[in-house]
Amino acid sequence: MAWKLIFQRAARKEFDRLPQRPKARILNALERLVQDPYAMTNVKALVGSELFRLRVGNYRVMYRLENEELIVLVVEVVARKDAY
């Protein structure tokens, strides 16, 4: 059973402003993520938070898993230099 992908409004705006090539790579990674969020290799749980970080090239996607509804909620999409 695949998970559903949902962007928060701010994350959708950040994603839409990205150049086409990174946007395509991020979307591809998110499509793989929703198949099984616990099997991804470029994922790290953020310390002191319920968020996870997905690394896609020079970009980072912060997201939260809502297990009851099988939802991957994208909270933030940022360039690596701005993420930390």
PDB file of N, CA and C in Angstrom:
ATOM      1  N   MET A   1       0.846  -1.185   0.000  1.00  0.00           N
ATOM      2  CA  MET A   1       0.000   0.000   0.000  1.00  0.00           C
ATOM      3  C   MET A   1       0.889   1.246   0.000  1.00  0.00           C
ATOM      4  N   ALA A   2       0.736   2.069  -1.000  1.00  0.00           N
ATOM      5  CA  ALA A   2       1.566   3.264  -1.133  1.00  0.00           C
ATOM      6  C   ALA A   2       1.053   4.390  -0.243  1.00  0.00           C
ATOM      7  N   TRP A   3       1.968   5.198   0.181  1.00  0.00           N
ATOM      8  CA  TRP A   3       1.644   6.357   0.989  1.00  0.00           C
ATOM      9  C   TRP A   3       1.214   7.498   0.077  1.00  0.00           C
ATOM     10  N   LYS A   4       0.547   8.477   0.652  1.00  0.00           N
ATOM     11  CA  LYS A   4       0.107   9.653  -0.091  1.00  0.00           C
ATOM     12  C   LYS A   4       1.079  10.797   0.188  1.00  0.00           C
ATOM     13  N   LEU A   5       1.438  11.553  -0.848  1.00  0.00           N
ATOM     14  CA  LEU A   5       2.362  12.666  -0.732  1.00  0.00           C
ATOM     15  C   LEU A   5       1.588  13.973  -0.692  1.00  0.00           C
ATOM     16  N   ILE A   6       1.835  14.776   0.342  1.00  0.00           N
ATOM     17  CA  ILE A   6       1.179  16.076   0.489  1.00  0.00           C
ATOM     18  C   ILE A   6       2.239  17.112   0.822  1.00  0.00           C
ATOM     19  N   PHE A   7       2.165  18.264   0.153  1.00  0.00           N
ATOM     20  CA  PHE A   7       3.061  19.388   0.424  1.00  0.00           C
ATOM     21  C   PHE A   7       2.323  20.408   1.287  1.00  0.00           C
ATOM     22  N   GLN A   8       2.997  20.942   2.308  1.00  0.00           N
ATOM     23  CA  GLN A   8       2.470  22.125   2.971  1.00  0.00           C
ATOM     24  C   GLN A   8       2.584  23.280   1.984  1.00  0.00           C
ATOM     25  N   ARG A   9       1.777  24.300   2.162  1.00  0.00           N
ATOM     26  CA  ARG A   9       1.728  25.415   1.215  1.00  0.00           C
ATOM     27  C   ARG A   9       3.111  26.046   0.995  1.00  0.00           C
ATOM     28  N   ALA A  10       3.835  26.323   2.065  1.00  0.00           N
ATOM     29  CA  ALA A  10       5.158  26.948   1.947  1.00  0.00           C
ATOM     30  C   ALA A  10       6.137  26.027   1.221  1.00  0.00           C
ATOM     31  N   ALA A  11       6.070  24.734   1.506  1.00  0.00           N
ATOM     32  CA  ALA A  11       6.960  23.779   0.840  1.00  0.00           C
ATOM     33  C   ALA A  11       6.644  23.692  -0.646  1.00  0.00           C
ATOM     34  N   ARG A  12       5.377  23.761  -1.004  1.00  0.00           N
ATOM     35  CA  ARG A  12       4.987  23.733  -2.422  1.00  0.00           C
ATOM     36  C   ARG A  12       5.533  24.958  -3.149  1.00  0.00           C
ATOM     37  N   LYS A  13       5.478  26.121  -2.507  1.00  0.00           N
ATOM     38  CA  LYS A  13       6.013  27.339  -3.119  1.00  0.00           C
ATOM     39  C   LYS A  13       7.523  27.227  -3.305  1.00  0.00           C
ATOM     40  N   GLU A  14       8.224  26.704  -2.287  1.00  0.00           N
ATOM     41  CA  GLU A  14       9.670  26.522  -2.396  1.00  0.00           C
ATOM     42  C   GLU A  14       9.993  25.564  -3.539  1.00  0.00           C
ATOM     43  N   PHE A  15       9.245  24.482  -3.622  1.00  0.00           N
ATOM     44  CA  PHE A  15       9.466  23.484  -4.662  1.00  0.00           C
ATOM     45  C   PHE A  15       9.217  24.063  -6.045  1.00  0.00           C
ATOM     46  N   ASP A  16       8.153  24.820  -6.203  1.00  0.00           N
ATOM     47  CA  ASP A  16       7.805  25.407  -7.504  1.00  0.00           C
ATOM     48  C   ASP A  16       8.842  26.411  -7.992  1.00  0.00           C
ATOM     49  N   ARG A  17       9.573  27.053  -7.091  1.00  0.00           N
ATOM     50  CA  ARG A  17      10.590  28.040  -7.461  1.00  0.00           C
ATOM     51  C   ARG A  17      11.921  27.416  -7.884  1.00  0.00           C
ATOM     52  N   LEU A  18      12.083  26.123  -7.689  1.00  0.00           N
ATOM     53  CA  LEU A  18      13.350  25.469  -8.021  1.00  0.00           C
ATOM     54  C   LEU A  18      13.545  25.374  -9.534  1.00  0.00           C
ATOM     55  N   PRO A  19      14.813  25.309  -9.974  1.00  0.00           N
ATOM     56  CA  PRO A  19      15.085  25.055 -11.396  1.00  0.00           C
ATOM     57  C   PRO A  19      14.536  23.680 -11.806  1.00  0.00           C
ATOM     58  N   GLN A  20      14.289  23.505 -13.084  1.00  0.00           N
ATOM     59  CA  GLN A  20      13.624  22.297 -13.580  1.00  0.00           C
ATOM     60  C   GLN A  20      14.374  21.005 -13.265  1.00  0.00           C
ATOM     61  N   ARG A  21      15.688  20.977 -13.462  1.00  0.00           N
ATOM     62  CA  ARG A  21      16.449  19.735 -13.250  1.00  0.00           C
ATOM     63  C   ARG A  21      16.403  19.252 -11.797  1.00  0.00           C
ATOM     64  N   PRO A  22      16.696  20.109 -10.798  1.00  0.00           N
ATOM     65  CA  PRO A  22      16.589  19.632  -9.409  1.00  0.00           C
ATOM     66  C   PRO A  22      15.149  19.279  -9.033  1.00  0.00           C
ATOM     67  N   LYS A  23      14.206  20.018  -9.585  1.00  0.00           N
ATOM     68  CA  LYS A  23      12.800  19.734  -9.289  1.00  0.00           C
ATOM     69  C   LYS A  23      12.431  18.312  -9.748  1.00  0.00           C
ATOM     70  N   ALA A  24      12.903  17.928 -10.925  1.00  0.00           N
ATOM     71  CA  ALA A  24      12.628  16.587 -11.445  1.00  0.00           C
ATOM     72  C   ALA A  24      13.288  15.514 -10.578  1.00  0.00           C
ATOM     73  N   ARG A  25      14.522  15.769 -10.139  1.00  0.00           N
ATOM     74  CA  ARG A  25      15.218  14.804  -9.270  1.00  0.00           C
ATOM     75  C   ARG A  25      14.503  14.648  -7.931  1.00  0.00           C
ATOM     76  N   ILE A  26      14.058  15.764  -7.361  1.00  0.00           N
ATOM     77  CA  ILE A  26      13.360  15.721  -6.073  1.00  0.00           C
ATOM     78  C   ILE A  26      12.035  14.983  -6.220  1.00  0.00           C
ATOM     79  N   LEU A  27      11.296  15.265  -7.278  1.00  0.00           N
ATOM     80  CA  LEU A  27      10.019  14.594  -7.496  1.00  0.00           C
ATOM     81  C   LEU A  27      10.213  13.095  -7.677  1.00  0.00           C
ATOM     82  N   ASN A  28      11.251  12.704  -8.391  1.00  0.00           N
ATOM     83  CA  ASN A  28      11.563  11.289  -8.561  1.00  0.00           C
ATOM     84  C   ASN A  28      11.866  10.634  -7.213  1.00  0.00           C
ATOM     85  N   ALA A  29      12.662  11.304  -6.385  1.00  0.00           N
ATOM     86  CA  ALA A  29      12.998  10.770  -5.055  1.00  0.00           C
ATOM     87  C   ALA A  29      11.759  10.671  -4.180  1.00  0.00           C
ATOM     88  N   LEU A  30      10.874  11.663  -4.257  1.00  0.00           N
ATOM     89  CA  LEU A  30       9.643  11.625  -3.456  1.00  0.00           C
ATOM     90  C   LEU A  30       8.712  10.511  -3.917  1.00  0.00           C
ATOM     91  N   GLU A  31       8.680  10.238  -5.223  1.00  0.00           N
ATOM     92  CA  GLU A  31       7.863   9.133  -5.718  1.00  0.00           C
ATOM     93  C   GLU A  31       8.372   7.798  -5.194  1.00  0.00           C
ATOM     94  N   ARG A  32       9.694   7.642  -5.093  1.00  0.00           N
ATOM     95  CA  ARG A  32      10.256   6.427  -4.499  1.00  0.00           C
ATOM     96  C   ARG A  32       9.979   6.383  -2.998  1.00  0.00           C
ATOM     97  N   LEU A  33      10.013   7.546  -2.361  1.00  0.00           N
ATOM     98  CA  LEU A  33       9.782   7.622  -0.915  1.00  0.00           C
ATOM     99  C   LEU A  33       8.383   7.148  -0.541  1.00  0.00           C
ATOM    100  N   VAL A  34       7.378   7.543  -1.302  1.00  0.00           N
ATOM    101  CA  VAL A  34       6.005   7.177  -0.948  1.00  0.00           C
ATOM    102  C   VAL A  34       5.726   5.695  -1.165  1.00  0.00           C
ATOM    103  N   GLN A  35       6.574   5.008  -1.920  1.00  0.00           N
ATOM    104  CA  GLN A  35       6.399   3.564  -2.069  1.00  0.00           C
ATOM    105  C   GLN A  35       6.699   2.841  -0.757  1.00  0.00           C
ATOM    106  N   ASP A  36       7.774   3.258  -0.082  1.00  0.00           N
ATOM    107  CA  ASP A  36       8.122   2.708   1.233  1.00  0.00           C
ATOM    108  C   ASP A  36       9.054   3.682   1.937  1.00  0.00           C
ATOM    109  N   PRO A  37       8.505   4.577   2.780  1.00  0.00           N
ATOM    110  CA  PRO A  37       9.328   5.609   3.417  1.00  0.00           C
ATOM    111  C   PRO A  37      10.403   5.078   4.357  1.00  0.00           C
ATOM    112  N   TYR A  38      10.284   3.841   4.767  1.00  0.00           N
ATOM    113  CA  TYR A  38      11.269   3.290   5.697  1.00  0.00           C
ATOM    114  C   TYR A  38      12.413   2.571   4.984  1.00  0.00           C
ATOM    115  N   ALA A  39      12.366   2.476   3.648  1.00  0.00           N
ATOM    116  CA  ALA A  39      13.400   1.767   2.905  1.00  0.00           C
ATOM    117  C   ALA A  39      14.377   2.698   2.196  1.00  0.00           C
ATOM    118  N   MET A  40      14.173   3.995   2.267  1.00  0.00           N
ATOM    119  CA  MET A  40      15.049   4.947   1.571  1.00  0.00           C
ATOM    120  C   MET A  40      16.412   5.019   2.258  1.00  0.00           C
ATOM    121  N   THR A  41      17.455   5.200   1.451  1.00  0.00           N
ATOM    122  CA  THR A  41      18.808   5.232   1.999  1.00  0.00           C
ATOM    123  C   THR A  41      19.303   6.638   2.304  1.00  0.00           C
ATOM    124  N   ASN A  42      18.764   7.660   1.655  1.00  0.00           N
ATOM    125  CA  ASN A  42      19.226   9.030   1.861  1.00  0.00           C
ATOM    126  C   ASN A  42      18.378   9.773   2.885  1.00  0.00           C
ATOM    127  N   VAL A  43      17.842   9.051   3.844  1.00  0.00           N
ATOM    128  CA  VAL A  43      16.947   9.633   4.839  1.00  0.00           C
ATOM    129  C   VAL A  43      17.621   9.608   6.209  1.00  0.00           C
ATOM    130  N   LYS A  44      17.405  10.683   6.950  1.00  0.00           N
ATOM    131  CA  LYS A  44      17.953  10.761   8.302  1.00  0.00           C
ATOM    132  C   LYS A  44      16.909  11.402   9.201  1.00  0.00           C
ATOM    133  N   ALA A  45      16.704  10.837  10.379  1.00  0.00           N
ATOM    134  CA  ALA A  45      15.796  11.439  11.359  1.00  0.00           C
ATOM    135  C   ALA A  45      16.501  12.644  11.974  1.00  0.00           C
ATOM    136  N   LEU A  46      15.795  13.753  12.072  1.00  0.00           N
ATOM    137  CA  LEU A  46      16.377  14.950  12.662  1.00  0.00           C
ATOM    138  C   LEU A  46      16.279  14.875  14.183  1.00  0.00           C
ATOM    139  N   VAL A  47      17.369  15.133  14.856  1.00  0.00           N
ATOM    140  CA  VAL A  47      17.448  15.040  16.312  1.00  0.00           C
ATOM    141  C   VAL A  47      16.561  16.107  16.946  1.00  0.00           C
ATOM    142  N   GLY A  48      15.766  15.716  17.933  1.00  0.00           N
ATOM    143  CA  GLY A  48      14.920  16.661  18.654  1.00  0.00           C
ATOM    144  C   GLY A  48      13.704  17.098  17.871  1.00  0.00           C
ATOM    145  N   SER A  49      13.334  16.347  16.848  1.00  0.00           N
ATOM    146  CA  SER A  49      12.213  16.721  15.997  1.00  0.00           C
ATOM    147  C   SER A  49      11.537  15.458  15.493  1.00  0.00           C
ATOM    148  N   GLU A  50      10.317  15.605  15.053  1.00  0.00           N
ATOM    149  CA  GLU A  50       9.616  14.470  14.453  1.00  0.00           C
ATOM    150  C   GLU A  50       9.814  14.433  12.938  1.00  0.00           C
ATOM    151  N   LEU A  51      10.671  15.312  12.432  1.00  0.00           N
ATOM    152  CA  LEU A  51      10.908  15.411  10.997  1.00  0.00           C
ATOM    153  C   LEU A  51      12.030  14.488  10.540  1.00  0.00           C
ATOM    154  N   PHE A  52      11.978  14.166   9.259  1.00  0.00           N
ATOM    155  CA  PHE A  52      13.029  13.420   8.593  1.00  0.00           C
ATOM    156  C   PHE A  52      13.606  14.309   7.501  1.00  0.00           C
ATOM    157  N   ARG A  53      14.852  14.026   7.107  1.00  0.00           N
ATOM    158  CA  ARG A  53      15.514  14.774   6.057  1.00  0.00           C
ATOM    159  C   ARG A  53      15.863  13.819   4.927  1.00  0.00           C
ATOM    160  N   LEU A  54      15.423  14.158   3.721  1.00  0.00           N
ATOM    161  CA  LEU A  54      15.768  13.396   2.527  1.00  0.00           C
ATOM    162  C   LEU A  54      16.788  14.203   1.742  1.00  0.00           C
ATOM    163  N   ARG A  55      17.927  13.601   1.452  1.00  0.00           N
ATOM    164  CA  ARG A  55      18.986  14.273   0.704  1.00  0.00           C
ATOM    165  C   ARG A  55      18.837  13.940  -0.774  1.00  0.00           C
ATOM    166  N   VAL A  56      18.728  14.985  -1.587  1.00  0.00           N
ATOM    167  CA  VAL A  56      18.637  14.831  -3.040  1.00  0.00           C
ATOM    168  C   VAL A  56      19.622  15.816  -3.662  1.00  0.00           C
ATOM    169  N   GLY A  57      20.822  15.353  -3.958  1.00  0.00           N
ATOM    170  CA  GLY A  57      21.852  16.236  -4.508  1.00  0.00           C
ATOM    171  C   GLY A  57      22.170  17.359  -3.540  1.00  0.00           C
ATOM    172  N   ASN A  58      22.075  18.598  -4.007  1.00  0.00           N
ATOM    173  CA  ASN A  58      22.357  19.759  -3.167  1.00  0.00           C
ATOM    174  C   ASN A  58      21.111  20.295  -2.474  1.00  0.00           C
ATOM    175  N   TYR A  59      20.041  19.541  -2.477  1.00  0.00           N
ATOM    176  CA  TYR A  59      18.790  19.974  -1.858  1.00  0.00           C
ATOM    177  C   TYR A  59      18.410  19.023  -0.741  1.00  0.00           C
ATOM    178  N   ARG A  60      17.652  19.562   0.205  1.00  0.00           N
ATOM    179  CA  ARG A  60      17.160  18.779   1.329  1.00  0.00           C
ATOM    180  C   ARG A  60      15.648  18.935   1.405  1.00  0.00           C
ATOM    181  N   VAL A  61      14.976  17.817   1.619  1.00  0.00           N
ATOM    182  CA  VAL A  61      13.518  17.809   1.764  1.00  0.00           C
ATOM    183  C   VAL A  61      13.224  17.370   3.188  1.00  0.00           C
ATOM    184  N   MET A  62      12.608  18.245   3.958  1.00  0.00           N
ATOM    185  CA  MET A  62      12.216  17.909   5.320  1.00  0.00           C
ATOM    186  C   MET A  62      10.749  17.464   5.274  1.00  0.00           C
ATOM    187  N   TYR A  63      10.480  16.343   5.914  1.00  0.00           N
ATOM    188  CA  TYR A  63       9.114  15.823   5.883  1.00  0.00           C
ATOM    189  C   TYR A  63       8.774  15.108   7.184  1.00  0.00           C
ATOM    190  N   ARG A  64       7.490  14.882   7.354  1.00  0.00           N
ATOM    191  CA  ARG A  64       6.973  14.184   8.540  1.00  0.00           C
ATOM    192  C   ARG A  64       6.112  13.029   8.050  1.00  0.00           C
ATOM    193  N   LEU A  65       6.196  11.901   8.740  1.00  0.00           N
ATOM    194  CA  LEU A  65       5.359  10.752   8.425  1.00  0.00           C
ATOM    195  C   LEU A  65       4.152  10.737   9.349  1.00  0.00           C
ATOM    196  N   GLU A  66       2.992  10.613   8.760  1.00  0.00           N
ATOM    197  CA  GLU A  66       1.757  10.458   9.528  1.00  0.00           C
ATOM    198  C   GLU A  66       1.277   9.035   9.296  1.00  0.00           C
ATOM    199  N   ASN A  67       1.703   8.147  10.197  1.00  0.00           N
ATOM    200  CA  ASN A  67       1.502   6.716  10.023  1.00  0.00           C
ATOM    201  C   ASN A  67       0.044   6.288   9.983  1.00  0.00           C
ATOM    202  N   GLU A  68      -0.816   6.937  10.744  1.00  0.00           N
ATOM    203  CA  GLU A  68      -2.215   6.522  10.811  1.00  0.00           C
ATOM    204  C   GLU A  68      -2.917   6.673   9.461  1.00  0.00           C
ATOM    205  N   GLU A  69      -2.598   7.753   8.721  1.00  0.00           N
ATOM    206  CA  GLU A  69      -3.245   8.028   7.447  1.00  0.00           C
ATOM    207  C   GLU A  69      -2.361   7.662   6.251  1.00  0.00           C
ATOM    208  N   LEU A  70      -1.152   7.132   6.507  1.00  0.00           N
ATOM    209  CA  LEU A  70      -0.181   6.819   5.462  1.00  0.00           C
ATOM    210  C   LEU A  70       0.101   8.041   4.583  1.00  0.00           C
ATOM    211  N   ILE A  71       0.503   9.125   5.239  1.00  0.00           N
ATOM    212  CA  ILE A  71       0.790  10.383   4.559  1.00  0.00           C
ATOM    213  C   ILE A  71       2.249  10.773   4.792  1.00  0.00           C
ATOM    214  N   VAL A  72       2.908  11.189   3.704  1.00  0.00           N
ATOM    215  CA  VAL A  72       4.220  11.818   3.780  1.00  0.00           C
ATOM    216  C   VAL A  72       3.967  13.306   3.575  1.00  0.00           C
ATOM    217  N   LEU A  73       4.145  14.098   4.631  1.00  0.00           N
ATOM    218  CA  LEU A  73       3.870  15.527   4.590  1.00  0.00           C
ATOM    219  C   LEU A  73       5.178  16.287   4.415  1.00  0.00           C
ATOM    220  N   VAL A  74       5.371  16.884   3.243  1.00  0.00           N
ATOM    221  CA  VAL A  74       6.585  17.651   2.961  1.00  0.00           C
ATOM    222  C   VAL A  74       6.437  19.021   3.614  1.00  0.00           C
ATOM    223  N   VAL A  75       7.378  19.341   4.496  1.00  0.00           N
ATOM    224  CA  VAL A  75       7.328  20.570   5.277  1.00  0.00           C
ATOM    225  C   VAL A  75       8.213  21.655   4.673  1.00  0.00           C
ATOM    226  N   GLU A  76       9.353  21.252   4.098  1.00  0.00           N
ATOM    227  CA  GLU A  76      10.304  22.236   3.594  1.00  0.00           C
ATOM    228  C   GLU A  76      11.166  21.622   2.495  1.00  0.00           C
ATOM    229  N   VAL A  77      11.465  22.400   1.473  1.00  0.00           N
ATOM    230  CA  VAL A  77      12.383  22.012   0.403  1.00  0.00           C
ATOM    231  C   VAL A  77      13.380  23.157   0.261  1.00  0.00           C
ATOM    232  N   VAL A  78      14.653  22.885   0.586  1.00  0.00           N
ATOM    233  CA  VAL A  78      15.650  23.966   0.570  1.00  0.00           C
ATOM    234  C   VAL A  78      16.971  23.476   0.008  1.00  0.00           C
ATOM    235  N   ALA A  79      17.771  24.429  -0.453  1.00  0.00           N
ATOM    236  CA  ALA A  79      19.132  24.129  -0.865  1.00  0.00           C
ATOM    237  C   ALA A  79      19.940  23.774   0.372  1.00  0.00           C
ATOM    238  N   ARG A  80      20.919  22.903   0.225  1.00  0.00           N
ATOM    239  CA  ARG A  80      21.720  22.441   1.351  1.00  0.00           C
ATOM    240  C   ARG A  80      22.345  23.603   2.111  1.00  0.00           C
ATOM    241  N   LYS A  81      22.842  24.602   1.394  1.00  0.00           N
ATOM    242  CA  LYS A  81      23.506  25.735   2.052  1.00  0.00           C
ATOM    243  C   LYS A  81      22.563  26.507   2.960  1.00  0.00           C
ATOM    244  N   ASP A  82      21.263  26.447   2.723  1.00  0.00           N
ATOM    245  CA  ASP A  82      20.290  27.150   3.544  1.00  0.00           C
ATOM    246  C   ASP A  82      19.625  26.254   4.588  1.00  0.00           C
ATOM    247  N   ALA A  83      19.885  24.956   4.523  1.00  0.00           N
ATOM    248  CA  ALA A  83      19.187  24.009   5.401  1.00  0.00           C
ATOM    249  C   ALA A  83      19.776  23.957   6.807  1.00  0.00           C
ATOM    250  N   TYR A  84      21.065  24.230   6.943  1.00  0.00           N
ATOM    251  CA  TYR A  84      21.701  24.020   8.247  1.00  0.00           C
ATOM    252  C   TYR A  84      22.184  25.282   8.850  1.00  0.00           C
TER     253      TYR A  84
END
